Amino acid sequence: MSLFPHIKVCKRSNFIFAGKIISKTIFSIEVGDINQFFKKAKYEIEIKSIYKGKTIKDTVVVITGIGGGDCGY
């Protein structure tokens, strides 16, 4: 295992930025036939700095899990 796994992640990422969260919404999705719901978070982020990539907008939306080991690289 690499001592710097973030370097690999940065190399294969198309867009790396820093910003400020301007809104957060929690919602649930139902997964197929198992009739189970999973919580997700939707963040709208105002871009302050771009380290890699380009965008034509000044905000981005990120949707991610909120627990249970569902968030990562």
N, C-alpha and C. Protein backbone atom coordinates (compact mmCIF):
# COMPACT_ATOMS: atom_id res chain seq x y z
N MET A 1 0.83 -1.18 0.00
CA MET A 1 0.00 0.00 0.00
C MET A 1 0.88 1.25 0.00
N SER A 2 0.50 2.21 -0.79
CA SER A 2 1.26 3.44 -0.90
C SER A 2 1.16 4.26 0.38
N LEU A 3 2.24 4.94 0.72
CA LEU A 3 2.20 5.85 1.85
C LEU A 3 1.41 7.10 1.52
N PHE A 4 1.19 7.38 0.24
CA PHE A 4 0.49 8.57 -0.20
C PHE A 4 -0.62 8.21 -1.18
N PRO A 5 -1.68 7.55 -0.72
CA PRO A 5 -2.75 7.13 -1.63
C PRO A 5 -3.46 8.31 -2.28
N HIS A 6 -3.44 9.48 -1.64
CA HIS A 6 -4.10 10.66 -2.21
C HIS A 6 -3.45 11.10 -3.52
N ILE A 7 -2.18 10.79 -3.73
CA ILE A 7 -1.50 11.14 -4.98
C ILE A 7 -2.14 10.39 -6.15
N LYS A 8 -2.41 9.10 -5.98
CA LYS A 8 -3.08 8.33 -7.03
C LYS A 8 -4.47 8.88 -7.31
N VAL A 9 -5.18 9.22 -6.26
CA VAL A 9 -6.53 9.76 -6.41
C VAL A 9 -6.48 11.07 -7.18
N CYS A 10 -5.54 11.93 -6.85
CA CYS A 10 -5.42 13.21 -7.55
C CYS A 10 -5.08 13.02 -9.02
N LYS A 11 -4.23 12.07 -9.32
CA LYS A 11 -3.84 11.83 -10.71
C LYS A 11 -5.02 11.37 -11.56
N ARG A 12 -5.91 10.55 -11.00
CA ARG A 12 -7.02 10.06 -11.80
C ARG A 12 -8.28 10.93 -11.70
N SER A 13 -8.22 11.98 -10.89
CA SER A 13 -9.36 12.90 -10.76
C SER A 13 -9.33 13.92 -11.89
N ASN A 14 -10.52 14.26 -12.40
CA ASN A 14 -10.63 15.26 -13.45
C ASN A 14 -10.77 16.67 -12.90
N PHE A 15 -11.25 16.79 -11.66
CA PHE A 15 -11.56 18.10 -11.11
C PHE A 15 -11.25 18.10 -9.62
N ILE A 16 -10.39 19.01 -9.19
CA ILE A 16 -10.04 19.16 -7.79
C ILE A 16 -10.22 20.63 -7.44
N PHE A 17 -10.97 20.88 -6.37
CA PHE A 17 -11.29 22.26 -6.02
C PHE A 17 -11.44 22.42 -4.51
N ALA A 18 -11.48 23.66 -4.06
CA ALA A 18 -11.81 24.00 -2.69
C ALA A 18 -12.96 24.98 -2.75
N GLY A 19 -13.85 24.90 -1.77
CA GLY A 19 -14.98 25.80 -1.80
C GLY A 19 -15.69 25.90 -0.48
N LYS A 20 -16.84 26.58 -0.51
CA LYS A 20 -17.66 26.81 0.67
C LYS A 20 -19.04 26.20 0.43
N ILE A 21 -19.51 25.39 1.38
CA ILE A 21 -20.84 24.79 1.27
C ILE A 21 -21.88 25.89 1.45
N ILE A 22 -22.78 26.00 0.45
CA ILE A 22 -23.82 27.02 0.54
C ILE A 22 -25.20 26.42 0.77
N SER A 23 -25.35 25.10 0.56
CA SER A 23 -26.60 24.44 0.93
C SER A 23 -26.35 22.95 1.12
N LYS A 24 -27.18 22.36 1.99
CA LYS A 24 -27.11 20.92 2.26
C LYS A 24 -28.53 20.39 2.36
N THR A 25 -28.80 19.30 1.64
CA THR A 25 -30.11 18.66 1.66
C THR A 25 -29.92 17.18 1.95
N ILE A 26 -30.67 16.65 2.91
CA ILE A 26 -30.65 15.22 3.21
C ILE A 26 -31.88 14.60 2.57
N PHE A 27 -31.68 13.46 1.88
CA PHE A 27 -32.80 12.77 1.23
C PHE A 27 -32.55 11.28 1.27
N SER A 28 -33.58 10.50 0.98
CA SER A 28 -33.47 9.04 0.97
C SER A 28 -33.77 8.51 -0.42
N ILE A 29 -33.09 7.41 -0.77
CA ILE A 29 -33.38 6.73 -2.02
C ILE A 29 -33.74 5.29 -1.70
N GLU A 30 -34.63 4.73 -2.49
CA GLU A 30 -35.01 3.33 -2.32
C GLU A 30 -34.19 2.50 -3.30
N VAL A 31 -33.67 1.39 -2.82
CA VAL A 31 -32.84 0.52 -3.64
C VAL A 31 -33.67 -0.66 -4.14
N GLY A 32 -33.89 -0.66 -5.45
CA GLY A 32 -34.51 -1.76 -6.17
C GLY A 32 -35.53 -2.60 -5.46
N ASP A 33 -35.36 -3.89 -5.58
CA ASP A 33 -36.32 -4.86 -5.07
C ASP A 33 -36.16 -5.18 -3.59
N ILE A 34 -35.14 -4.65 -2.96
CA ILE A 34 -34.91 -5.01 -1.56
C ILE A 34 -35.72 -4.14 -0.60
N ASN A 35 -36.40 -3.13 -1.14
CA ASN A 35 -37.30 -2.29 -0.34
C ASN A 35 -36.58 -1.67 0.85
N GLN A 36 -35.34 -1.21 0.60
CA GLN A 36 -34.55 -0.59 1.65
C GLN A 36 -34.19 0.83 1.23
N PHE A 37 -34.16 1.74 2.20
CA PHE A 37 -33.87 3.14 1.93
C PHE A 37 -32.49 3.50 2.47
N PHE A 38 -31.79 4.33 1.73
CA PHE A 38 -30.47 4.81 2.14
C PHE A 38 -30.48 6.33 2.12
N LYS A 39 -29.91 6.92 3.17
CA LYS A 39 -29.83 8.38 3.24
C LYS A 39 -28.64 8.89 2.44
N LYS A 40 -28.85 10.00 1.78
CA LYS A 40 -27.83 10.67 1.00
C LYS A 40 -27.81 12.15 1.37
N ALA A 41 -26.72 12.81 1.10
CA ALA A 41 -26.61 14.25 1.30
C ALA A 41 -26.26 14.90 -0.03
N LYS A 42 -26.92 16.00 -0.33
CA LYS A 42 -26.63 16.78 -1.53
C LYS A 42 -26.08 18.13 -1.06
N TYR A 43 -24.86 18.43 -1.48
CA TYR A 43 -24.21 19.69 -1.12
C TYR A 43 -24.06 20.56 -2.36
N GLU A 44 -24.42 21.83 -2.24
CA GLU A 44 -24.09 22.80 -3.28
C GLU A 44 -22.90 23.60 -2.74
N ILE A 45 -21.83 23.63 -3.52
CA ILE A 45 -20.58 24.21 -3.06
C ILE A 45 -20.16 25.35 -3.99
N GLU A 46 -19.88 26.50 -3.40
CA GLU A 46 -19.36 27.63 -4.15
C GLU A 46 -17.85 27.43 -4.32
N ILE A 47 -17.39 27.43 -5.55
CA ILE A 47 -15.97 27.18 -5.83
C ILE A 47 -15.15 28.42 -5.48
N LYS A 48 -14.13 28.21 -4.66
CA LYS A 48 -13.22 29.29 -4.27
C LYS A 48 -11.88 29.18 -4.99
N SER A 49 -11.39 27.94 -5.17
CA SER A 49 -10.11 27.69 -5.84
C SER A 49 -10.22 26.42 -6.66
N ILE A 50 -9.61 26.42 -7.84
CA ILE A 50 -9.54 25.22 -8.67
C ILE A 50 -8.09 24.81 -8.79
N TYR A 51 -7.79 23.57 -8.43
CA TYR A 51 -6.43 23.05 -8.47
C TYR A 51 -6.18 22.17 -9.69
N LYS A 52 -7.26 21.62 -10.24
CA LYS A 52 -7.13 20.78 -11.43
C LYS A 52 -8.47 20.79 -12.16
N GLY A 53 -8.43 20.95 -13.47
CA GLY A 53 -9.64 20.92 -14.28
C GLY A 53 -10.20 22.30 -14.54
N LYS A 54 -11.34 22.32 -15.19
CA LYS A 54 -12.00 23.57 -15.56
C LYS A 54 -13.50 23.42 -15.36
N THR A 55 -14.15 24.54 -15.16
CA THR A 55 -15.60 24.57 -15.05
C THR A 55 -16.11 25.91 -15.57
N ILE A 56 -17.35 25.92 -16.03
CA ILE A 56 -17.94 27.17 -16.50
C ILE A 56 -18.91 27.73 -15.46
N LYS A 57 -19.09 27.01 -14.36
CA LYS A 57 -20.00 27.45 -13.31
C LYS A 57 -19.20 27.85 -12.07
N ASP A 58 -19.84 28.63 -11.20
CA ASP A 58 -19.17 29.01 -9.96
C ASP A 58 -19.62 28.17 -8.77
N THR A 59 -20.49 27.18 -9.04
CA THR A 59 -20.92 26.24 -8.01
C THR A 59 -20.91 24.83 -8.58
N VAL A 60 -20.77 23.85 -7.69
CA VAL A 60 -20.89 22.44 -8.07
C VAL A 60 -21.82 21.76 -7.07
N VAL A 61 -22.41 20.65 -7.49
CA VAL A 61 -23.27 19.84 -6.62
C VAL A 61 -22.58 18.50 -6.40
N VAL A 62 -22.48 18.10 -5.14
CA VAL A 62 -21.88 16.82 -4.77
C VAL A 62 -22.93 16.03 -4.00
N ILE A 63 -23.18 14.79 -4.43
CA ILE A 63 -24.09 13.89 -3.73
C ILE A 63 -23.27 12.74 -3.18
N THR A 64 -23.44 12.47 -1.88
CA THR A 64 -22.64 11.44 -1.22
C THR A 64 -23.47 10.73 -0.15
N GLY A 65 -22.99 9.60 0.27
CA GLY A 65 -23.63 8.89 1.37
C GLY A 65 -23.34 9.59 2.69
N ILE A 66 -24.08 9.22 3.73
CA ILE A 66 -23.86 9.87 5.03
C ILE A 66 -23.68 8.85 6.14
N GLY A 67 -22.82 7.89 5.91
CA GLY A 67 -22.50 6.95 6.98
C GLY A 67 -22.48 5.51 6.53
N GLY A 68 -22.06 4.66 7.44
CA GLY A 68 -22.03 3.24 7.16
C GLY A 68 -20.95 2.81 6.20
N GLY A 69 -19.89 3.59 6.07
CA GLY A 69 -18.79 3.22 5.19
C GLY A 69 -19.09 3.40 3.72
N ASP A 70 -20.06 4.20 3.37
CA ASP A 70 -20.43 4.38 1.96
C ASP A 70 -19.74 5.56 1.29
N CYS A 71 -18.87 6.23 1.97
CA CYS A 71 -18.17 7.38 1.39
C CYS A 71 -16.68 7.07 1.33
N GLY A 72 -16.05 7.48 0.28
CA GLY A 72 -14.61 7.25 0.15
C GLY A 72 -14.12 7.78 -1.16
N TYR A 73 -13.04 7.24 -1.64
CA TYR A 73 -12.44 7.69 -2.87
C TYR A 73 -13.32 7.23 -4.01
